[in-house]
């Protein structure tokens, strides 16, 4: 990763429990898409990127990925 890209990412300091909750919410979003009718929009690419990073144990996220995390957590809580 170039230094320019590294500056655009934020490190989220998550407890083990917070990591688990975030992983669950993102995975739920992906799984809901697989159960949804074909006419339903797929999750944003950022959802998959967040999931991949969580699976690798990475907690550095781009601004777009942080927005995705906020949106998905908010939607999960509101549902």
PDB file of N, CA and C in Angstrom:
ATOM      1  N   UNK A   1       0.849  -1.168   0.000  1.00  0.00           N
ATOM      2  CA  UNK A   1       0.000   0.000   0.000  1.00  0.00           C
ATOM      3  C   UNK A   1       0.896   1.232   0.000  1.00  0.00           C
ATOM      4  N   UNK A   2       0.587   2.158  -0.832  1.00  0.00           N
ATOM      5  CA  UNK A   2       1.396   3.368  -0.904  1.00  0.00           C
ATOM      6  C   UNK A   2       1.099   4.262   0.297  1.00  0.00           C
ATOM      7  N   UNK A   3       2.062   5.108   0.694  1.00  0.00           N
ATOM      8  CA  UNK A   3       1.816   6.026   1.815  1.00  0.00           C
ATOM      9  C   UNK A   3       0.602   6.923   1.587  1.00  0.00           C
ATOM     10  N   UNK A   4       0.362   7.299   0.322  1.00  0.00           N
ATOM     11  CA  UNK A   4      -0.787   8.148   0.008  1.00  0.00           C
ATOM     12  C   UNK A   4      -2.085   7.438   0.379  1.00  0.00           C
ATOM     13  N   UNK A   5      -2.207   6.143   0.052  1.00  0.00           N
ATOM     14  CA  UNK A   5      -3.411   5.379   0.389  1.00  0.00           C
ATOM     15  C   UNK A   5      -3.516   5.149   1.887  1.00  0.00           C
ATOM     16  N   UNK A   6      -2.393   4.931   2.560  1.00  0.00           N
ATOM     17  CA  UNK A   6      -2.407   4.679   3.998  1.00  0.00           C
ATOM     18  C   UNK A   6      -2.965   5.885   4.757  1.00  0.00           C
ATOM     19  N   UNK A   7      -2.698   7.090   4.264  1.00  0.00           N
ATOM     20  CA  UNK A   7      -3.181   8.298   4.925  1.00  0.00           C
ATOM     21  C   UNK A   7      -4.702   8.423   4.817  1.00  0.00           C
ATOM     22  N   UNK A   8      -5.282   7.776   3.858  1.00  0.00           N
ATOM     23  CA  UNK A   8      -6.726   7.868   3.650  1.00  0.00           C
ATOM     24  C   UNK A   8      -7.494   6.825   4.457  1.00  0.00           C
ATOM     25  N   UNK A   9      -6.796   6.001   5.195  1.00  0.00           N
ATOM     26  CA  UNK A   9      -7.454   4.965   5.977  1.00  0.00           C
ATOM     27  C   UNK A   9      -7.426   5.305   7.456  1.00  0.00           C
ATOM     28  N   UNK A  10      -8.444   4.824   8.149  1.00  0.00           N
ATOM     29  CA  UNK A  10      -8.534   5.041   9.591  1.00  0.00           C
ATOM     30  C   UNK A  10      -8.446   3.693  10.288  1.00  0.00           C
ATOM     31  N   UNK A  11      -7.774   3.686  11.407  1.00  0.00           N
ATOM     32  CA  UNK A  11      -7.672   2.484  12.226  1.00  0.00           C
ATOM     33  C   UNK A  11      -8.804   2.517  13.238  1.00  0.00           C
ATOM     34  N   UNK A  12      -9.633   1.485  13.231  1.00  0.00           N
ATOM     35  CA  UNK A  12     -10.705   1.379  14.213  1.00  0.00           C
ATOM     36  C   UNK A  12     -10.206   0.509  15.363  1.00  0.00           C
ATOM     37  N   UNK A  13     -10.231   1.047  16.548  1.00  0.00           N
ATOM     38  CA  UNK A  13      -9.812   0.318  17.741  1.00  0.00           C
ATOM     39  C   UNK A  13     -11.038  -0.403  18.294  1.00  0.00           C
ATOM     40  N   UNK A  14     -11.187  -1.655  17.924  1.00  0.00           N
ATOM     41  CA  UNK A  14     -12.367  -2.433  18.289  1.00  0.00           C
ATOM     42  C   UNK A  14     -12.024  -3.500  19.311  1.00  0.00           C
ATOM     43  N   UNK A  15     -12.881  -3.626  20.318  1.00  0.00           N
ATOM     44  CA  UNK A  15     -12.718  -4.729  21.264  1.00  0.00           C
ATOM     45  C   UNK A  15     -13.070  -6.022  20.540  1.00  0.00           C
ATOM     46  N   UNK A  16     -12.772  -7.135  21.146  1.00  0.00           N
ATOM     47  CA  UNK A  16     -13.108  -8.434  20.556  1.00  0.00           C
ATOM     48  C   UNK A  16     -14.621  -8.533  20.322  1.00  0.00           C
ATOM     49  N   UNK A  17     -15.404  -8.065  21.280  1.00  0.00           N
ATOM     50  CA  UNK A  17     -16.859  -8.107  21.148  1.00  0.00           C
ATOM     51  C   UNK A  17     -17.337  -7.212  20.007  1.00  0.00           C
ATOM     52  N   UNK A  18     -16.754  -6.024  19.892  1.00  0.00           N
ATOM     53  CA  UNK A  18     -17.129  -5.106  18.816  1.00  0.00           C
ATOM     54  C   UNK A  18     -16.764  -5.690  17.446  1.00  0.00           C
ATOM     55  N   UNK A  19     -15.623  -6.355  17.375  1.00  0.00           N
ATOM     56  CA  UNK A  19     -15.226  -7.013  16.127  1.00  0.00           C
ATOM     57  C   UNK A  19     -16.249  -8.073  15.746  1.00  0.00           C
ATOM     58  N   UNK A  20     -16.686  -8.851  16.735  1.00  0.00           N
ATOM     59  CA  UNK A  20     -17.646  -9.909  16.477  1.00  0.00           C
ATOM     60  C   UNK A  20     -18.963  -9.326  15.981  1.00  0.00           C
ATOM     61  N   UNK A  21     -19.450  -8.276  16.643  1.00  0.00           N
ATOM     62  CA  UNK A  21     -20.717  -7.652  16.243  1.00  0.00           C
ATOM     63  C   UNK A  21     -20.610  -7.101  14.828  1.00  0.00           C
ATOM     64  N   UNK A  22     -19.545  -6.390  14.536  1.00  0.00           N
ATOM     65  CA  UNK A  22     -19.366  -5.824  13.202  1.00  0.00           C
ATOM     66  C   UNK A  22     -19.310  -6.936  12.153  1.00  0.00           C
ATOM     67  N   UNK A  23     -18.554  -7.974  12.429  1.00  0.00           N
ATOM     68  CA  UNK A  23     -18.457  -9.111  11.510  1.00  0.00           C
ATOM     69  C   UNK A  23     -19.846  -9.702  11.278  1.00  0.00           C
ATOM     70  N   UNK A  24     -20.607  -9.892  12.342  1.00  0.00           N
ATOM     71  CA  UNK A  24     -21.962 -10.457  12.235  1.00  0.00           C
ATOM     72  C   UNK A  24     -22.864  -9.580  11.365  1.00  0.00           C
ATOM     73  N   UNK A  25     -22.828  -8.279  11.597  1.00  0.00           N
ATOM     74  CA  UNK A  25     -23.692  -7.354  10.849  1.00  0.00           C
ATOM     75  C   UNK A  25     -23.329  -7.357   9.366  1.00  0.00           C
ATOM     76  N   UNK A  26     -22.047  -7.319   9.056  1.00  0.00           N
ATOM     77  CA  UNK A  26     -21.616  -7.298   7.652  1.00  0.00           C
ATOM     78  C   UNK A  26     -21.948  -8.630   6.978  1.00  0.00           C
ATOM     79  N   UNK A  27     -21.696  -9.729   7.667  1.00  0.00           N
ATOM     80  CA  UNK A  27     -22.026 -11.042   7.109  1.00  0.00           C
ATOM     81  C   UNK A  27     -23.533 -11.168   6.895  1.00  0.00           C
ATOM     82  N   UNK A  28     -24.323 -10.672   7.823  1.00  0.00           N
ATOM     83  CA  UNK A  28     -25.774 -10.703   7.679  1.00  0.00           C
ATOM     84  C   UNK A  28     -26.209  -9.938   6.439  1.00  0.00           C
ATOM     85  N   UNK A  29     -25.602  -8.808   6.207  1.00  0.00           N
ATOM     86  CA  UNK A  29     -25.919  -8.002   5.020  1.00  0.00           C
ATOM     87  C   UNK A  29     -25.639  -8.807   3.743  1.00  0.00           C
ATOM     88  N   UNK A  30     -24.505  -9.476   3.697  1.00  0.00           N
ATOM     89  CA  UNK A  30     -24.129 -10.272   2.524  1.00  0.00           C
ATOM     90  C   UNK A  30     -25.083 -11.458   2.365  1.00  0.00           C
ATOM     91  N   UNK A  31     -25.403 -12.128   3.463  1.00  0.00           N
ATOM     92  CA  UNK A  31     -26.291 -13.290   3.392  1.00  0.00           C
ATOM     93  C   UNK A  31     -27.716 -12.892   3.021  1.00  0.00           C
ATOM     94  N   UNK A  32     -28.163 -11.741   3.474  1.00  0.00           N
ATOM     95  CA  UNK A  32     -29.506 -11.266   3.108  1.00  0.00           C
ATOM     96  C   UNK A  32     -29.603 -11.075   1.597  1.00  0.00           C
ATOM     97  N   UNK A  33     -28.539 -10.605   0.988  1.00  0.00           N
ATOM     98  CA  UNK A  33     -28.529 -10.405  -0.456  1.00  0.00           C
ATOM     99  C   UNK A  33     -28.689 -11.746  -1.167  1.00  0.00           C
ATOM    100  N   UNK A  34     -28.080 -12.796  -0.652  1.00  0.00           N
ATOM    101  CA  UNK A  34     -28.181 -14.095  -1.318  1.00  0.00           C
ATOM    102  C   UNK A  34     -29.590 -14.674  -1.208  1.00  0.00           C
ATOM    103  N   UNK A  35     -30.357 -14.247  -0.206  1.00  0.00           N
ATOM    104  CA  UNK A  35     -31.737 -14.725  -0.021  1.00  0.00           C
ATOM    105  C   UNK A  35     -32.765 -13.799  -0.669  1.00  0.00           C
ATOM    106  N   UNK A  36     -32.341 -12.656  -1.117  1.00  0.00           N
ATOM    107  CA  UNK A  36     -33.256 -11.644  -1.648  1.00  0.00           C
ATOM    108  C   UNK A  36     -33.664 -11.977  -3.085  1.00  0.00           C
ATOM    109  N   UNK A  37     -34.793 -11.439  -3.513  1.00  0.00           N
ATOM    110  CA  UNK A  37     -35.205 -11.615  -4.912  1.00  0.00           C
ATOM    111  C   UNK A  37     -34.158 -11.014  -5.850  1.00  0.00           C
ATOM    112  N   UNK A  38     -34.143 -11.503  -7.059  1.00  0.00           N
ATOM    113  CA  UNK A  38     -33.150 -11.037  -8.042  1.00  0.00           C
ATOM    114  C   UNK A  38     -33.248  -9.545  -8.313  1.00  0.00           C
ATOM    115  N   UNK A  39     -34.402  -8.970  -8.122  1.00  0.00           N
ATOM    116  CA  UNK A  39     -34.588  -7.539  -8.404  1.00  0.00           C
ATOM    117  C   UNK A  39     -33.957  -6.650  -7.335  1.00  0.00           C
ATOM    118  N   UNK A  40     -33.524  -7.249  -6.227  1.00  0.00           N
ATOM    119  CA  UNK A  40     -32.922  -6.482  -5.129  1.00  0.00           C
ATOM    120  C   UNK A  40     -31.483  -6.123  -5.478  1.00  0.00           C
ATOM    121  N   UNK A  41     -31.107  -4.904  -5.144  1.00  0.00           N
ATOM    122  CA  UNK A  41     -29.728  -4.475  -5.394  1.00  0.00           C
ATOM    123  C   UNK A  41     -28.763  -5.226  -4.493  1.00  0.00           C
ATOM    124  N   UNK A  42     -27.594  -5.529  -5.030  1.00  0.00           N
ATOM    125  CA  UNK A  42     -26.539  -6.167  -4.249  1.00  0.00           C
ATOM    126  C   UNK A  42     -25.942  -5.152  -3.285  1.00  0.00           C
ATOM    127  N   UNK A  43     -25.346  -5.645  -2.190  1.00  0.00           N
ATOM    128  CA  UNK A  43     -24.668  -4.707  -1.284  1.00  0.00           C
ATOM    129  C   UNK A  43     -23.545  -3.971  -2.017  1.00  0.00           C
ATOM    130  N   UNK A  44     -23.204  -2.821  -1.516  1.00  0.00           N
ATOM    131  CA  UNK A  44     -22.111  -2.043  -2.098  1.00  0.00           C
ATOM    132  C   UNK A  44     -20.811  -2.836  -2.028  1.00  0.00           C
ATOM    133  N   UNK A  45     -19.926  -2.570  -2.962  1.00  0.00           N
ATOM    134  CA  UNK A  45     -18.623  -3.234  -2.980  1.00  0.00           C
ATOM    135  C   UNK A  45     -17.899  -3.038  -1.651  1.00  0.00           C
ATOM    136  N   UNK A  46     -18.109  -1.902  -1.020  1.00  0.00           N
ATOM    137  CA  UNK A  46     -17.453  -1.614   0.262  1.00  0.00           C
ATOM    138  C   UNK A  46     -17.833  -2.645   1.326  1.00  0.00           C
ATOM    139  N   UNK A  47     -19.052  -3.186   1.265  1.00  0.00           N
ATOM    140  CA  UNK A  47     -19.478  -4.206   2.229  1.00  0.00           C
ATOM    141  C   UNK A  47     -18.555  -5.418   2.121  1.00  0.00           C
ATOM    142  N   UNK A  48     -18.282  -5.842   0.901  1.00  0.00           N
ATOM    143  CA  UNK A  48     -17.406  -6.999   0.686  1.00  0.00           C
ATOM    144  C   UNK A  48     -15.969  -6.691   1.110  1.00  0.00           C
ATOM    145  N   UNK A  49     -15.526  -5.470   0.843  1.00  0.00           N
ATOM    146  CA  UNK A  49     -14.171  -5.090   1.262  1.00  0.00           C
ATOM    147  C   UNK A  49     -14.040  -5.087   2.779  1.00  0.00           C
ATOM    148  N   UNK A  50     -15.039  -4.551   3.462  1.00  0.00           N
ATOM    149  CA  UNK A  50     -15.036  -4.547   4.928  1.00  0.00           C
ATOM    150  C   UNK A  50     -14.992  -5.978   5.435  1.00  0.00           C
ATOM    151  N   UNK A  51     -15.825  -6.841   4.870  1.00  0.00           N
ATOM    152  CA  UNK A  51     -15.867  -8.233   5.302  1.00  0.00           C
ATOM    153  C   UNK A  51     -14.505  -8.907   5.110  1.00  0.00           C
ATOM    154  N   UNK A  52     -13.895  -8.708   3.950  1.00  0.00           N
ATOM    155  CA  UNK A  52     -12.587  -9.307   3.673  1.00  0.00           C
ATOM    156  C   UNK A  52     -11.535  -8.812   4.668  1.00  0.00           C
ATOM    157  N   UNK A  53     -11.554  -7.531   4.967  1.00  0.00           N
ATOM    158  CA  UNK A  53     -10.586  -6.982   5.916  1.00  0.00           C
ATOM    159  C   UNK A  53     -10.806  -7.554   7.308  1.00  0.00           C
ATOM    160  N   UNK A  54     -12.068  -7.671   7.723  1.00  0.00           N
ATOM    161  CA  UNK A  54     -12.357  -8.252   9.034  1.00  0.00           C
ATOM    162  C   UNK A  54     -11.890  -9.699   9.098  1.00  0.00           C
ATOM    163  N   UNK A  55     -12.096 -10.441   8.030  1.00  0.00           N
ATOM    164  CA  UNK A  55     -11.658 -11.837   7.974  1.00  0.00           C
ATOM    165  C   UNK A  55     -10.139 -11.953   8.091  1.00  0.00           C
ATOM    166  N   UNK A  56      -9.417 -10.964   7.554  1.00  0.00           N
ATOM    167  CA  UNK A  56      -7.947 -10.967   7.632  1.00  0.00           C
ATOM    168  C   UNK A  56      -7.445 -10.394   8.949  1.00  0.00           C
ATOM    169  N   UNK A  57      -8.337  -9.867   9.759  1.00  0.00           N
ATOM    170  CA  UNK A  57      -7.932  -9.278  11.031  1.00  0.00           C
ATOM    171  C   UNK A  57      -7.447  -7.852  10.904  1.00  0.00           C
ATOM    172  N   UNK A  58      -7.774  -7.226   9.777  1.00  0.00           N
ATOM    173  CA  UNK A  58      -7.374  -5.843   9.528  1.00  0.00           C
ATOM    174  C   UNK A  58      -8.434  -4.898  10.070  1.00  0.00           C
ATOM    175  N   UNK A  59      -7.985  -3.816  10.687  1.00  0.00           N
ATOM    176  CA  UNK A  59      -8.927  -2.824  11.209  1.00  0.00           C
ATOM    177  C   UNK A  59      -8.672  -1.444  10.628  1.00  0.00           C
ATOM    178  N   UNK A  60      -8.062  -1.388   9.469  1.00  0.00           N
ATOM    179  CA  UNK A  60      -7.850  -0.128   8.750  1.00  0.00           C
ATOM    180  C   UNK A  60      -8.856  -0.063   7.619  1.00  0.00           C
ATOM    181  N   UNK A  61      -9.623   1.028   7.620  1.00  0.00           N
ATOM    182  CA  UNK A  61     -10.686   1.154   6.637  1.00  0.00           C
ATOM    183  C   UNK A  61     -10.626   2.508   5.964  1.00  0.00           C
ATOM    184  N   UNK A  62     -10.956   2.508   4.681  1.00  0.00           N
ATOM    185  CA  UNK A  62     -11.025   3.765   3.926  1.00  0.00           C
ATOM    186  C   UNK A  62     -12.228   4.568   4.415  1.00  0.00           C
ATOM    187  N   UNK A  63     -12.287   5.807   3.994  1.00  0.00           N
ATOM    188  CA  UNK A  63     -13.409   6.659   4.360  1.00  0.00           C
ATOM    189  C   UNK A  63     -14.719   6.053   3.865  1.00  0.00           C
ATOM    190  N   UNK A  64     -14.718   5.542   2.645  1.00  0.00           N
ATOM    191  CA  UNK A  64     -15.927   4.911   2.079  1.00  0.00           C
ATOM    192  C   UNK A  64     -16.312   3.677   2.891  1.00  0.00           C
ATOM    193  N   UNK A  65     -15.331   2.883   3.304  1.00  0.00           N
ATOM    194  CA  UNK A  65     -15.612   1.685   4.102  1.00  0.00           C
ATOM    195  C   UNK A  65     -16.147   2.058   5.484  1.00  0.00           C
ATOM    196  N   UNK A  66     -15.610   3.124   6.074  1.00  0.00           N
ATOM    197  CA  UNK A  66     -16.128   3.600   7.374  1.00  0.00           C
ATOM    198  C   UNK A  66     -17.573   4.052   7.244  1.00  0.00           C
ATOM    199  N   UNK A  67     -17.895   4.733   6.154  1.00  0.00           N
ATOM    200  CA  UNK A  67     -19.272   5.144   5.905  1.00  0.00           C
ATOM    201  C   UNK A  67     -20.164   3.917   5.748  1.00  0.00           C
ATOM    202  N   UNK A  68     -19.673   2.923   5.049  1.00  0.00           N
ATOM    203  CA  UNK A  68     -20.412   1.676   4.872  1.00  0.00           C
ATOM    204  C   UNK A  68     -20.674   1.014   6.227  1.00  0.00           C
ATOM    205  N   UNK A  69     -19.663   0.978   7.084  1.00  0.00           N
ATOM    206  CA  UNK A  69     -19.809   0.388   8.420  1.00  0.00           C
ATOM    207  C   UNK A  69     -20.895   1.134   9.199  1.00  0.00           C
ATOM    208  N   UNK A  70     -20.838   2.455   9.192  1.00  0.00           N
ATOM    209  CA  UNK A  70     -21.858   3.248   9.889  1.00  0.00           C
ATOM    210  C   UNK A  70     -23.253   2.955   9.344  1.00  0.00           C
ATOM    211  N   UNK A  71     -23.369   2.936   8.019  1.00  0.00           N
ATOM    212  CA  UNK A  71     -24.667   2.711   7.391  1.00  0.00           C
ATOM    213  C   UNK A  71     -25.226   1.332   7.731  1.00  0.00           C
ATOM    214  N   UNK A  72     -24.385   0.321   7.660  1.00  0.00           N
ATOM    215  CA  UNK A  72     -24.844  -1.046   7.910  1.00  0.00           C
ATOM    216  C   UNK A  72     -25.201  -1.247   9.382  1.00  0.00           C
ATOM    217  N   UNK A  73     -24.415  -0.678  10.284  1.00  0.00           N
ATOM    218  CA  UNK A  73     -24.741  -0.786  11.713  1.00  0.00           C
ATOM    219  C   UNK A  73     -26.049  -0.063  12.031  1.00  0.00           C
ATOM    220  N   UNK A  74     -26.226   1.108  11.451  1.00  0.00           N
ATOM    221  CA  UNK A  74     -27.453   1.876  11.674  1.00  0.00           C
ATOM    222  C   UNK A  74     -28.661   1.109  11.132  1.00  0.00           C
ATOM    223  N   UNK A  75     -28.533   0.582   9.948  1.00  0.00           N
ATOM    224  CA  UNK A  75     -29.642  -0.163   9.344  1.00  0.00           C
ATOM    225  C   UNK A  75     -29.959  -1.420  10.175  1.00  0.00           C
ATOM    226  N   UNK A  76     -28.936  -2.077  10.671  1.00  0.00           N
ATOM    227  CA  UNK A  76     -29.138  -3.282  11.470  1.00  0.00           C
ATOM    228  C   UNK A  76     -29.877  -2.955  12.783  1.00  0.00           C
ATOM    229  N   UNK A  77     -29.473  -1.872  13.414  1.00  0.00           N
ATOM    230  CA  UNK A  77     -30.111  -1.465  14.673  1.00  0.00           C
ATOM    231  C   UNK A  77     -31.551  -1.046  14.434  1.00  0.00           C
ATOM    232  N   UNK A  78     -31.806  -0.374  13.323  1.00  0.00           N
ATOM    233  CA  UNK A  78     -33.150   0.107  13.016  1.00  0.00           C
ATOM    234  C   UNK A  78     -34.098  -1.000  12.566  1.00  0.00           C
ATOM    235  N   UNK A  79     -33.570  -2.138  12.190  1.00  0.00           N
ATOM    236  CA  UNK A  79     -34.446  -3.212  11.671  1.00  0.00           C
ATOM    237  C   UNK A  79     -35.010  -4.082  12.776  1.00  0.00           C
TER     238      UNK A  79
END
